[in-house]
Amino acid sequence: MRAVQVITPTGPADLEIRDVPEPTPGPADVLVEVHTVGTAFPDLLLSRGQYQLKPDPPFTLGADFAGVVVSGPDGFEPGDRVAGVASYGGAAELVANPAESTFHLPDHVGFDEGAALPMNYLTAHFALAERAGLRPGETVLVLGASGGVGTATLQVAKGLGARTIAVVSTDEKARVARAAGADEVVLLDGFKDAARELTGDRGVDVVVDPVGGDTFTDALRSLAPQGRVMVVGFASGQGIPEVRVNRLLLNNIDVRGVGWGAYARVRPGYMQEQWRALEPMLAAGTIRPLVGATYPLEDYGRALTDLDERRALGKSVVRMR
């Protein structure tokens, strides 16, 4: 079967599509015929050997995928439509994935949208429900709101009863954030003052930050008393910001890390519990994954380059078939 592989960790331009042996599923695995694969920032880092997880090359990329069950344990029948998430290995024509991290897709959700769901939406749910302790009626400000994590966070926050403010860098990205359901959209330049104005100078209750870099200090300044910044990632490429902890003390605010994978993978049943929490939002249409560009398998490397160069809007997916 065909798979997208890292042979040398020198970046997306050097990925190869290779013929590899078909996987042999274990008793707790679901064998899936993959139709689409979502691209994600960890894929980019893995292609460069810069991720905290460092598999030995050659290895197959791909965290999010969607397709059809070939075989599986109880609860998974041949022909079932599913989405799944893994640390890597999803960008192949067949994947053996643990049932624990494989999820049934509702009939109205296509494979492109299915591959846009697991990592981003489970991360957003973890950030908001578990780490932020979000309460209905609170206000959530989302940085990088036109990207995959950003659009997912806007929608999950709405599903949890919050008001949302999207922060974007261009008018085109503003349109994406509005399409994702943001209540308010503000431009990156001056977002702190805009957020203050929109909240009657009180500030926001939660900031979700998958971007990092130079915006972090203003994110802290955007918070209301007892507000929380959720550190999701550093997609800006501007480095990892540092916090002067006197800011936290003086304003009674928090900075909290969001390491969904490290948390979920050592807690059996947690991912499925999260998926059950998202299902009513999917049924109601509150969650509607925004698929941006779609790519053929041969352009997997280009998809990651577009992500790296901040051209991706919503979630980009690669079609395996």
C-alpha atoms as a PDB file:
ATOM      1  CA  MET A   1       0.000   0.000   0.000  1.00  0.00           C
ATOM      2  CA  ARG A   2       1.009   3.631  -0.430  1.00  0.00           C
ATOM      3  CA  ALA A   3       2.073   5.807   2.496  1.00  0.00           C
ATOM      4  CA  VAL A   4       3.576   9.285   2.973  1.00  0.00           C
ATOM      5  CA  GLN A   5       6.901   8.789   4.692  1.00  0.00           C
ATOM      6  CA  VAL A   6       9.688  10.756   6.312  1.00  0.00           C
ATOM      7  CA  ILE A   7      12.945   9.239   5.113  1.00  0.00           C
ATOM      8  CA  THR A   8      15.219  12.028   6.323  1.00  0.00           C
ATOM      9  CA  PRO A   9      13.870  14.656   8.780  1.00  0.00           C
ATOM     10  CA  THR A  10      14.622  17.565   6.477  1.00  0.00           C
ATOM     11  CA  GLY A  11      11.156  19.007   6.008  1.00  0.00           C
ATOM     12  CA  PRO A  12       8.033  18.644   3.883  1.00  0.00           C
ATOM     13  CA  ALA A  13       9.814  19.066   0.549  1.00  0.00           C
ATOM     14  CA  ASP A  14      11.621  15.753   1.100  1.00  0.00           C
ATOM     15  CA  LEU A  15       8.633  13.556   1.936  1.00  0.00           C
ATOM     16  CA  GLU A  16       8.245  10.426  -0.181  1.00  0.00           C
ATOM     17  CA  ILE A  17       5.254   8.333  -1.201  1.00  0.00           C
ATOM     18  CA  ARG A  18       6.410   4.739  -0.816  1.00  0.00           C
ATOM     19  CA  ASP A  19       5.004   1.247  -1.026  1.00  0.00           C
ATOM     20  CA  VAL A  20       4.989  -0.258   2.467  1.00  0.00           C
ATOM     21  CA  PRO A  21       3.568  -3.475   3.934  1.00  0.00           C
ATOM     22  CA  GLU A  22      -0.068  -3.481   4.973  1.00  0.00           C
ATOM     23  CA  PRO A  23      -0.568  -3.282   8.749  1.00  0.00           C
ATOM     24  CA  THR A  24      -1.589  -6.248  10.864  1.00  0.00           C
ATOM     25  CA  PRO A  25      -4.196  -5.105  13.408  1.00  0.00           C
ATOM     26  CA  GLY A  26      -4.088  -6.277  16.993  1.00  0.00           C
ATOM     27  CA  PRO A  27      -7.197  -7.480  18.848  1.00  0.00           C
ATOM     28  CA  ALA A  28      -8.017  -3.950  20.085  1.00  0.00           C
ATOM     29  CA  ASP A  29      -7.301  -2.264  16.741  1.00  0.00           C
ATOM     30  CA  VAL A  30      -9.629  -1.073  14.000  1.00  0.00           C
ATOM     31  CA  LEU A  31      -8.360  -1.636  10.457  1.00  0.00           C
ATOM     32  CA  VAL A  32      -9.445   1.377   8.400  1.00  0.00           C
ATOM     33  CA  GLU A  33      -9.405   2.010   4.663  1.00  0.00           C
ATOM     34  CA  VAL A  34      -8.307   5.641   4.730  1.00  0.00           C
ATOM     35  CA  HIS A  35     -10.025   8.135   2.439  1.00  0.00           C
ATOM     36  CA  THR A  36      -8.750  11.474   3.777  1.00  0.00           C
ATOM     37  CA  VAL A  37      -5.988  12.705   6.074  1.00  0.00           C
ATOM     38  CA  GLY A  38      -5.920  16.018   7.929  1.00  0.00           C
ATOM     39  CA  THR A  39      -2.733  18.055   8.119  1.00  0.00           C
ATOM     40  CA  ALA A  40      -1.570  19.439  11.453  1.00  0.00           C
ATOM     41  CA  PHE A  41       1.324  21.416  12.919  1.00  0.00           C
ATOM     42  CA  PRO A  42       2.805  18.298  14.591  1.00  0.00           C
ATOM     43  CA  ASP A  43       3.120  16.718  11.120  1.00  0.00           C
ATOM     44  CA  LEU A  44       5.246  19.663  10.034  1.00  0.00           C
ATOM     45  CA  LEU A  45       7.472  19.371  13.110  1.00  0.00           C
ATOM     46  CA  LEU A  46       7.751  15.591  12.701  1.00  0.00           C
ATOM     47  CA  SER A  47       8.902  16.066   9.098  1.00  0.00           C
ATOM     48  CA  ARG A  48      11.774  18.195  10.443  1.00  0.00           C
ATOM     49  CA  GLY A  49      12.635  16.095  13.468  1.00  0.00           C
ATOM     50  CA  GLN A  50      11.562  18.994  15.715  1.00  0.00           C
ATOM     51  CA  TYR A  51       8.648  17.379  17.541  1.00  0.00           C
ATOM     52  CA  GLN A  52       8.945  16.056  21.106  1.00  0.00           C
ATOM     53  CA  LEU A  53       8.108  12.622  19.717  1.00  0.00           C
ATOM     54  CA  LYS A  54      10.974  11.416  17.513  1.00  0.00           C
ATOM     55  CA  PRO A  55      10.220   8.135  15.697  1.00  0.00           C
ATOM     56  CA  ASP A  56      13.080   6.544  13.809  1.00  0.00           C
ATOM     57  CA  PRO A  57      12.879   7.080  10.015  1.00  0.00           C
ATOM     58  CA  PRO A  58      11.415   5.867   7.852  1.00  0.00           C
ATOM     59  CA  PHE A  59       7.969   6.465   9.349  1.00  0.00           C
ATOM     60  CA  THR A  60       4.562   7.463   8.054  1.00  0.00           C
ATOM     61  CA  LEU A  61       3.068  10.874   8.804  1.00  0.00           C
ATOM     62  CA  GLY A  62      -0.592  11.633   9.481  1.00  0.00           C
ATOM     63  CA  ALA A  63      -2.381  12.299  12.773  1.00  0.00           C
ATOM     64  CA  ASP A  64      -6.030  12.717  11.703  1.00  0.00           C
ATOM     65  CA  PHE A  65      -7.760  10.441   9.208  1.00  0.00           C
ATOM     66  CA  ALA A  66     -11.196   9.323   8.100  1.00  0.00           C
ATOM     67  CA  GLY A  67     -12.385   6.297   6.176  1.00  0.00           C
ATOM     68  CA  VAL A  68     -14.238   2.993   6.287  1.00  0.00           C
ATOM     69  CA  VAL A  69     -13.795   0.082   8.687  1.00  0.00           C
ATOM     70  CA  VAL A  70     -12.355  -3.090   7.163  1.00  0.00           C
ATOM     71  CA  SER A  71     -12.364  -5.035  10.437  1.00  0.00           C
ATOM     72  CA  GLY A  72     -12.391  -4.318  14.136  1.00  0.00           C
ATOM     73  CA  PRO A  73     -13.372  -5.357  17.649  1.00  0.00           C
ATOM     74  CA  ASP A  74     -16.920  -5.214  19.006  1.00  0.00           C
ATOM     75  CA  GLY A  75     -18.598  -1.942  18.129  1.00  0.00           C
ATOM     76  CA  PHE A  76     -16.869  -1.590  14.764  1.00  0.00           C
ATOM     77  CA  GLU A  77     -18.392  -3.355  11.789  1.00  0.00           C
ATOM     78  CA  PRO A  78     -17.035  -3.557   8.222  1.00  0.00           C
ATOM     79  CA  GLY A  79     -18.339  -0.575   6.276  1.00  0.00           C
ATOM     80  CA  ASP A  80     -18.730   1.714   9.297  1.00  0.00           C
ATOM     81  CA  ARG A  81     -17.603   5.269   8.622  1.00  0.00           C
ATOM     82  CA  VAL A  82     -15.041   6.450  11.164  1.00  0.00           C
ATOM     83  CA  ALA A  83     -12.469   9.091  12.016  1.00  0.00           C
ATOM     84  CA  GLY A  84      -9.342   8.424  14.002  1.00  0.00           C
ATOM     85  CA  VAL A  85      -6.345  10.110  15.552  1.00  0.00           C
ATOM     86  CA  ALA A  86      -2.814   8.837  16.147  1.00  0.00           C
ATOM     87  CA  SER A  87       0.566  10.327  16.940  1.00  0.00           C
ATOM     88  CA  TYR A  88       1.585   9.505  13.362  1.00  0.00           C
ATOM     89  CA  GLY A  89       0.932   6.814  10.752  1.00  0.00           C
ATOM     90  CA  GLY A  90      -2.447   7.925   9.379  1.00  0.00           C
ATOM     91  CA  ALA A  91      -1.270   8.977   5.900  1.00  0.00           C
ATOM     92  CA  ALA A  92      -1.498   5.491   4.444  1.00  0.00           C
ATOM     93  CA  GLU A  93      -4.089   3.605   2.430  1.00  0.00           C
ATOM     94  CA  LEU A  94      -4.726   1.263   5.383  1.00  0.00           C
ATOM     95  CA  VAL A  95      -4.283   2.074   9.073  1.00  0.00           C
ATOM     96  CA  ALA A  96      -4.559  -0.155  12.142  1.00  0.00           C
ATOM     97  CA  ASN A  97      -5.644   2.253  14.872  1.00  0.00           C
ATOM     98  CA  PRO A  98      -6.647   1.558  18.496  1.00  0.00           C
ATOM     99  CA  ALA A  99     -10.402   1.442  19.014  1.00  0.00           C
ATOM    100  CA  GLU A 100      -9.801   3.832  21.913  1.00  0.00           C
ATOM    101  CA  SER A 101      -8.941   6.627  19.466  1.00  0.00           C
ATOM    102  CA  THR A 102     -11.288   5.691  16.594  1.00  0.00           C
ATOM    103  CA  PHE A 103     -14.713   7.335  16.436  1.00  0.00           C
ATOM    104  CA  HIS A 104     -17.925   6.704  14.524  1.00  0.00           C
ATOM    105  CA  LEU A 105     -18.841   9.484  12.097  1.00  0.00           C
ATOM    106  CA  PRO A 106     -22.430  10.744  11.868  1.00  0.00           C
ATOM    107  CA  ASP A 107     -24.001  10.147   8.463  1.00  0.00           C
ATOM    108  CA  HIS A 108     -24.094  13.865   7.631  1.00  0.00           C
ATOM    109  CA  VAL A 109     -20.331  14.318   8.123  1.00  0.00           C
ATOM    110  CA  GLY A 110     -18.221  13.657   5.025  1.00  0.00           C
ATOM    111  CA  PHE A 111     -14.739  12.193   4.989  1.00  0.00           C
ATOM    112  CA  ASP A 112     -13.076  15.590   4.433  1.00  0.00           C
ATOM    113  CA  GLU A 113     -14.865  16.961   7.496  1.00  0.00           C
ATOM    114  CA  GLY A 114     -14.190  13.745   9.405  1.00  0.00           C
ATOM    115  CA  ALA A 115     -10.440  14.144   8.945  1.00  0.00           C
ATOM    116  CA  ALA A 116     -10.763  17.716  10.233  1.00  0.00           C
ATOM    117  CA  LEU A 117     -12.372  16.637  13.514  1.00  0.00           C
ATOM    118  CA  PRO A 118     -10.338  14.542  15.961  1.00  0.00           C
ATOM    119  CA  MET A 119      -7.144  16.338  16.940  1.00  0.00           C
ATOM    120  CA  ASN A 120      -8.414  19.911  16.709  1.00  0.00           C
ATOM    121  CA  TYR A 121     -11.827  19.420  18.277  1.00  0.00           C
ATOM    122  CA  LEU A 122     -10.658  17.111  21.048  1.00  0.00           C
ATOM    123  CA  THR A 123      -7.863  19.593  21.802  1.00  0.00           C
ATOM    124  CA  ALA A 124     -10.370  22.455  21.880  1.00  0.00           C
ATOM    125  CA  HIS A 125     -12.688  20.508  24.171  1.00  0.00           C
ATOM    126  CA  PHE A 126      -9.799  19.635  26.506  1.00  0.00           C
ATOM    127  CA  ALA A 127      -8.594  23.247  26.562  1.00  0.00           C
ATOM    128  CA  LEU A 128     -12.005  24.692  27.344  1.00  0.00           C
ATOM    129  CA  ALA A 129     -13.816  22.074  29.419  1.00  0.00           C
ATOM    130  CA  GLU A 130     -10.929  20.430  31.277  1.00  0.00           C
ATOM    131  CA  ARG A 131      -8.168  23.024  31.551  1.00  0.00           C
ATOM    132  CA  ALA A 132     -10.059  26.338  31.475  1.00  0.00           C
ATOM    133  CA  GLY A 133     -13.105  25.115  33.392  1.00  0.00           C
ATOM    134  CA  LEU A 134     -15.213  27.205  31.017  1.00  0.00           C
ATOM    135  CA  ARG A 135     -18.621  28.210  32.330  1.00  0.00           C
ATOM    136  CA  PRO A 136     -21.687  29.185  30.266  1.00  0.00           C
ATOM    137  CA  GLY A 137     -21.818  32.929  29.711  1.00  0.00           C
ATOM    138  CA  GLU A 138     -18.057  33.463  29.856  1.00  0.00           C
ATOM    139  CA  THR A 139     -16.180  35.141  27.003  1.00  0.00           C
ATOM    140  CA  VAL A 140     -13.458  33.308  25.076  1.00  0.00           C
ATOM    141  CA  LEU A 141     -10.920  35.133  22.907  1.00  0.00           C
ATOM    142  CA  VAL A 142      -9.280  32.928  20.270  1.00  0.00           C
ATOM    143  CA  LEU A 143      -5.949  33.832  18.688  1.00  0.00           C
ATOM    144  CA  GLY A 144      -5.164  32.381  15.254  1.00  0.00           C
ATOM    145  CA  ALA A 145      -8.916  32.016  14.885  1.00  0.00           C
ATOM    146  CA  SER A 146      -8.961  31.176  11.170  1.00  0.00           C
ATOM    147  CA  GLY A 147      -6.798  28.052  11.496  1.00  0.00           C
ATOM    148  CA  GLY A 148      -7.792  24.498  12.298  1.00  0.00           C
ATOM    149  CA  VAL A 149      -7.441  24.770  16.075  1.00  0.00           C
ATOM    150  CA  GLY A 150      -8.892  28.278  16.043  1.00  0.00           C
ATOM    151  CA  THR A 151     -12.074  27.445  14.150  1.00  0.00           C
ATOM    152  CA  ALA A 152     -12.561  24.322  16.252  1.00  0.00           C
ATOM    153  CA  THR A 153     -12.183  26.342  19.455  1.00  0.00           C
ATOM    154  CA  LEU A 154     -14.723  28.930  18.317  1.00  0.00           C
ATOM    155  CA  GLN A 155     -17.298  26.221  17.696  1.00  0.00           C
ATOM    156  CA  VAL A 156     -16.676  24.159  20.827  1.00  0.00           C
ATOM    157  CA  ALA A 157     -16.790  27.326  22.942  1.00  0.00           C
ATOM    158  CA  LYS A 158     -20.192  28.145  21.455  1.00  0.00           C
ATOM    159  CA  GLY A 159     -21.330  24.598  22.152  1.00  0.00           C
ATOM    160  CA  LEU A 160     -20.338  25.087  25.792  1.00  0.00           C
ATOM    161  CA  GLY A 161     -22.375  28.285  26.032  1.00  0.00           C
ATOM    162  CA  ALA A 162     -19.638  30.927  25.732  1.00  0.00           C
ATOM    163  CA  ARG A 163     -19.398  34.189  23.826  1.00  0.00           C
ATOM    164  CA  THR A 164     -16.510  34.181  21.342  1.00  0.00           C
ATOM    165  CA  ILE A 165     -14.131  36.844  20.037  1.00  0.00           C
ATOM    166  CA  ALA A 166     -11.939  35.801  17.112  1.00  0.00           C
ATOM    167  CA  VAL A 167      -8.551  37.432  16.504  1.00  0.00           C
ATOM    168  CA  VAL A 168      -7.259  37.327  12.913  1.00  0.00           C
ATOM    169  CA  SER A 169      -4.593  39.078  10.859  1.00  0.00           C
ATOM    170  CA  THR A 170      -6.425  39.747   7.561  1.00  0.00           C
ATOM    171  CA  ASP A 171      -9.900  40.440   6.211  1.00  0.00           C
ATOM    172  CA  GLU A 172      -9.859  37.077   4.412  1.00  0.00           C
ATOM    173  CA  LYS A 173      -9.199  35.307   7.698  1.00  0.00           C
ATOM    174  CA  ALA A 174     -11.947  37.369   9.307  1.00  0.00           C
ATOM    175  CA  ARG A 175     -14.422  35.881   6.836  1.00  0.00           C
ATOM    176  CA  VAL A 176     -13.293  32.381   7.817  1.00  0.00           C
ATOM    177  CA  ALA A 177     -13.731  33.131  11.521  1.00  0.00           C
ATOM    178  CA  ARG A 178     -17.228  34.494  10.908  1.00  0.00           C
ATOM    179  CA  ALA A 179     -18.087  31.399   8.895  1.00  0.00           C
ATOM    180  CA  ALA A 180     -16.934  29.332  11.888  1.00  0.00           C
ATOM    181  CA  GLY A 181     -19.527  31.133  14.014  1.00  0.00           C
ATOM    182  CA  ALA A 182     -17.512  33.768  15.904  1.00  0.00           C
ATOM    183  CA  ASP A 183     -19.694  36.282  17.725  1.00  0.00           C
ATOM    184  CA  GLU A 184     -17.130  39.052  17.220  1.00  0.00           C
ATOM    185  CA  VAL A 185     -14.056  39.335  14.993  1.00  0.00           C
ATOM    186  CA  VAL A 186     -11.174  41.749  15.584  1.00  0.00           C
ATOM    187  CA  LEU A 187      -7.871  42.292  13.819  1.00  0.00           C
ATOM    188  CA  LEU A 188      -4.603  41.277  15.449  1.00  0.00           C
ATOM    189  CA  ASP A 189      -3.283  44.820  15.419  1.00  0.00           C
ATOM    190  CA  GLY A 190      -4.869  46.361  18.510  1.00  0.00           C
ATOM    191  CA  PHE A 191      -6.796  43.253  19.595  1.00  0.00           C
ATOM    192  CA  LYS A 192      -6.229  43.933  23.318  1.00  0.00           C
ATOM    193  CA  ASP A 193      -8.009  47.289  23.189  1.00  0.00           C
ATOM    194  CA  ALA A 194     -10.734  45.887  20.943  1.00  0.00           C
ATOM    195  CA  ALA A 195     -11.371  43.028  23.367  1.00  0.00           C
ATOM    196  CA  ARG A 196     -11.537  45.461  26.251  1.00  0.00           C
ATOM    197  CA  GLU A 197     -14.031  47.608  24.385  1.00  0.00           C
ATOM    198  CA  LEU A 198     -16.215  44.609  23.499  1.00  0.00           C
ATOM    199  CA  THR A 199     -16.338  43.550  27.161  1.00  0.00           C
ATOM    200  CA  GLY A 200     -17.023  46.969  28.660  1.00  0.00           C
ATOM    201  CA  ASP A 201     -13.355  47.210  29.735  1.00  0.00           C
ATOM    202  CA  ARG A 202     -13.751  44.118  31.926  1.00  0.00           C
ATOM    203  CA  GLY A 203     -11.629  41.814  29.791  1.00  0.00           C
ATOM    204  CA  VAL A 204     -12.199  38.258  28.608  1.00  0.00           C
ATOM    205  CA  ASP A 205     -12.442  35.182  30.790  1.00  0.00           C
ATOM    206  CA  VAL A 206     -10.381  32.823  28.645  1.00  0.00           C
ATOM    207  CA  VAL A 207      -7.786  33.277  25.901  1.00  0.00           C
ATOM    208  CA  VAL A 208      -6.941  30.263  23.752  1.00  0.00           C
ATOM    209  CA  ASP A 209      -3.527  30.732  22.147  1.00  0.00           C
ATOM    210  CA  PRO A 210      -2.216  28.268  19.553  1.00  0.00           C
ATOM    211  CA  VAL A 211       0.079  30.985  18.127  1.00  0.00           C
ATOM    212  CA  GLY A 212       2.550  32.111  20.804  1.00  0.00           C
ATOM    213  CA  GLY A 213       5.162  34.721  20.014  1.00  0.00           C
ATOM    214  CA  ASP A 214       4.790  38.464  20.358  1.00  0.00           C
ATOM    215  CA  THR A 215       1.046  38.488  21.032  1.00  0.00           C
ATOM    216  CA  PHE A 216       1.305  36.717  24.371  1.00  0.00           C
ATOM    217  CA  THR A 217       1.759  39.765  26.601  1.00  0.00           C
ATOM    218  CA  ASP A 218      -1.296  41.434  25.104  1.00  0.00           C
ATOM    219  CA  ALA A 219      -3.211  38.179  25.604  1.00  0.00           C
ATOM    220  CA  LEU A 220      -2.459  38.447  29.331  1.00  0.00           C
ATOM    221  CA  ARG A 221      -3.517  42.093  29.328  1.00  0.00           C
ATOM    222  CA  SER A 222      -6.813  41.121  27.683  1.00  0.00           C
ATOM    223  CA  LEU A 223      -7.909  39.041  30.669  1.00  0.00           C
ATOM    224  CA  ALA A 224     -10.544  39.885  33.225  1.00  0.00           C
ATOM    225  CA  PRO A 225      -9.767  39.194  36.897  1.00  0.00           C
ATOM    226  CA  GLN A 226      -9.426  35.419  37.378  1.00  0.00           C
ATOM    227  CA  GLY A 227      -9.025  35.025  33.632  1.00  0.00           C
ATOM    228  CA  ARG A 228      -7.045  32.175  32.094  1.00  0.00           C
ATOM    229  CA  VAL A 229      -4.713  31.928  29.097  1.00  0.00           C
ATOM    230  CA  MET A 230      -4.599  28.463  27.513  1.00  0.00           C
ATOM    231  CA  VAL A 231      -1.217  27.756  25.898  1.00  0.00           C
ATOM    232  CA  VAL A 232      -1.958  25.372  23.006  1.00  0.00           C
ATOM    233  CA  GLY A 233       1.053  25.848  20.727  1.00  0.00           C
ATOM    234  CA  PHE A 234       3.521  28.139  19.013  1.00  0.00           C
ATOM    235  CA  ALA A 235       2.481  28.212  15.358  1.00  0.00           C
ATOM    236  CA  SER A 236       3.761  31.757  14.820  1.00  0.00           C
ATOM    237  CA  GLY A 237       7.352  30.531  14.708  1.00  0.00           C
ATOM    238  CA  GLN A 238       8.346  33.589  16.770  1.00  0.00           C
ATOM    239  CA  GLY A 239       9.588  31.506  19.662  1.00  0.00           C
ATOM    240  CA  ILE A 240       8.185  30.584  23.045  1.00  0.00           C
ATOM    241  CA  PRO A 241       7.076  33.586  25.115  1.00  0.00           C
ATOM    242  CA  GLU A 242       8.028  34.082  28.741  1.00  0.00           C
ATOM    243  CA  VAL A 243       5.793  35.295  31.557  1.00  0.00           C
ATOM    244  CA  ARG A 244       6.651  37.799  34.265  1.00  0.00           C
ATOM    245  CA  VAL A 245       4.819  36.124  37.102  1.00  0.00           C
ATOM    246  CA  ASN A 246       4.103  39.393  38.900  1.00  0.00           C
ATOM    247  CA  ARG A 247       1.457  39.958  36.205  1.00  0.00           C
ATOM    248  CA  LEU A 248      -0.310  36.809  37.386  1.00  0.00           C
ATOM    249  CA  LEU A 249      -0.194  37.836  41.020  1.00  0.00           C
ATOM    250  CA  LEU A 250      -1.325  41.432  40.578  1.00  0.00           C
ATOM    251  CA  ASN A 251      -4.310  40.564  38.376  1.00  0.00           C
ATOM    252  CA  ASN A 252      -5.237  37.139  39.772  1.00  0.00           C
ATOM    253  CA  ILE A 253      -4.861  35.494  36.367  1.00  0.00           C
ATOM    254  CA  ASP A 254      -3.600  32.099  35.220  1.00  0.00           C
ATOM    255  CA  VAL A 255      -1.488  30.673  32.421  1.00  0.00           C
ATOM    256  CA  ARG A 256      -2.296  27.000  31.811  1.00  0.00           C
ATOM    257  CA  GLY A 257      -0.718  24.484  29.472  1.00  0.00           C
ATOM    258  CA  VAL A 258      -2.863  22.439  27.103  1.00  0.00           C
ATOM    259  CA  GLY A 259      -1.148  19.136  26.331  1.00  0.00           C
ATOM    260  CA  TRP A 260      -4.119  17.129  25.133  1.00  0.00           C
ATOM    261  CA  GLY A 261      -2.221  14.151  23.738  1.00  0.00           C
ATOM    262  CA  ALA A 262      -0.074  13.620  26.823  1.00  0.00           C
ATOM    263  CA  TYR A 263      -3.182  13.783  29.023  1.00  0.00           C
ATOM    264  CA  ALA A 264      -5.606  11.729  26.937  1.00  0.00           C
ATOM    265  CA  ARG A 265      -3.364   8.863  25.900  1.00  0.00           C
ATOM    266  CA  VAL A 266      -2.716   7.713  29.465  1.00  0.00           C
ATOM    267  CA  ARG A 267      -6.395   7.872  30.508  1.00  0.00           C
ATOM    268  CA  PRO A 268      -8.328   4.972  28.972  1.00  0.00           C
ATOM    269  CA  GLY A 269     -11.786   6.002  27.864  1.00  0.00           C
ATOM    270  CA  TYR A 270     -11.129   9.739  27.968  1.00  0.00           C
ATOM    271  CA  MET A 271     -11.092  10.315  24.201  1.00  0.00           C
ATOM    272  CA  GLN A 272     -14.346   8.412  23.771  1.00  0.00           C
ATOM    273  CA  GLU A 273     -15.834  10.429  26.640  1.00  0.00           C
ATOM    274  CA  GLN A 274     -14.802  13.609  24.820  1.00  0.00           C
ATOM    275  CA  TRP A 275     -16.302  12.357  21.560  1.00  0.00           C
ATOM    276  CA  ARG A 276     -19.616  11.707  23.300  1.00  0.00           C
ATOM    277  CA  ALA A 277     -19.554  15.285  24.584  1.00  0.00           C
ATOM    278  CA  LEU A 278     -19.022  16.571  21.033  1.00  0.00           C
ATOM    279  CA  GLU A 279     -21.701  14.423  19.376  1.00  0.00           C
ATOM    280  CA  PRO A 280     -24.663  16.645  20.422  1.00  0.00           C
ATOM    281  CA  MET A 281     -22.781  19.655  19.027  1.00  0.00           C
ATOM    282  CA  LEU A 282     -22.261  17.800  15.748  1.00  0.00           C
ATOM    283  CA  ALA A 283     -25.931  16.823  15.609  1.00  0.00           C
ATOM    284  CA  ALA A 284     -27.034  20.406  16.287  1.00  0.00           C
ATOM    285  CA  GLY A 285     -24.693  21.845  13.656  1.00  0.00           C
ATOM    286  CA  THR A 286     -22.762  23.882  16.237  1.00  0.00           C
ATOM    287  CA  ILE A 287     -19.686  21.937  15.153  1.00  0.00           C
ATOM    288  CA  ARG A 288     -19.154  22.214  11.403  1.00  0.00           C
ATOM    289  CA  PRO A 289     -15.513  21.601  10.517  1.00  0.00           C
ATOM    290  CA  LEU A 290     -14.258  24.239   8.104  1.00  0.00           C
ATOM    291  CA  VAL A 291     -12.229  22.440   5.461  1.00  0.00           C
ATOM    292  CA  GLY A 292      -9.948  24.829   3.629  1.00  0.00           C
ATOM    293  CA  ALA A 293      -7.775  23.516   0.829  1.00  0.00           C
ATOM    294  CA  THR A 294      -7.875  19.892  -0.306  1.00  0.00           C
ATOM    295  CA  TYR A 295      -4.824  18.220  -1.856  1.00  0.00           C
ATOM    296  CA  PRO A 296      -4.119  15.001  -3.731  1.00  0.00           C
ATOM    297  CA  LEU A 297      -1.851  12.482  -2.040  1.00  0.00           C
ATOM    298  CA  GLU A 298       1.089  13.554  -4.200  1.00  0.00           C
ATOM    299  CA  ASP A 299       0.894  17.098  -2.734  1.00  0.00           C
ATOM    300  CA  TYR A 300       1.085  16.160   0.946  1.00  0.00           C
ATOM    301  CA  GLY A 301       4.374  18.041   1.264  1.00  0.00           C
ATOM    302  CA  ARG A 302       2.868  21.156  -0.322  1.00  0.00           C
ATOM    303  CA  ALA A 303      -0.014  21.006   2.143  1.00  0.00           C
ATOM    304  CA  LEU A 304       2.454  21.122   5.030  1.00  0.00           C
ATOM    305  CA  THR A 305       4.410  23.948   3.389  1.00  0.00           C
ATOM    306  CA  ASP A 306       1.213  25.981   3.031  1.00  0.00           C
ATOM    307  CA  LEU A 307       0.510  25.351   6.714  1.00  0.00           C
ATOM    308  CA  ASP A 308       4.036  26.427   7.623  1.00  0.00           C
ATOM    309  CA  GLU A 309       3.731  29.632   5.610  1.00  0.00           C
ATOM    310  CA  ARG A 310       0.396  30.533   7.253  1.00  0.00           C
ATOM    311  CA  ARG A 311      -1.611  30.162   4.037  1.00  0.00           C
ATOM    312  CA  ALA A 312      -3.906  27.478   5.435  1.00  0.00           C
ATOM    313  CA  LEU A 313      -7.446  28.552   6.350  1.00  0.00           C
ATOM    314  CA  GLY A 314      -9.522  26.169   8.431  1.00  0.00           C
ATOM    315  CA  LYS A 315      -8.274  22.599   8.264  1.00  0.00           C
ATOM    316  CA  SER A 316      -6.444  21.356   5.164  1.00  0.00           C
ATOM    317  CA  VAL A 317      -6.982  17.745   4.131  1.00  0.00           C
ATOM    318  CA  VAL A 318      -5.250  15.328   1.771  1.00  0.00           C
ATOM    319  CA  ARG A 319      -7.356  12.877  -0.192  1.00  0.00           C
ATOM    320  CA  MET A 320      -5.878   9.398  -0.284  1.00  0.00           C
ATOM    321  CA  ARG A 321      -8.439   8.039  -2.777  1.00  0.00           C
END
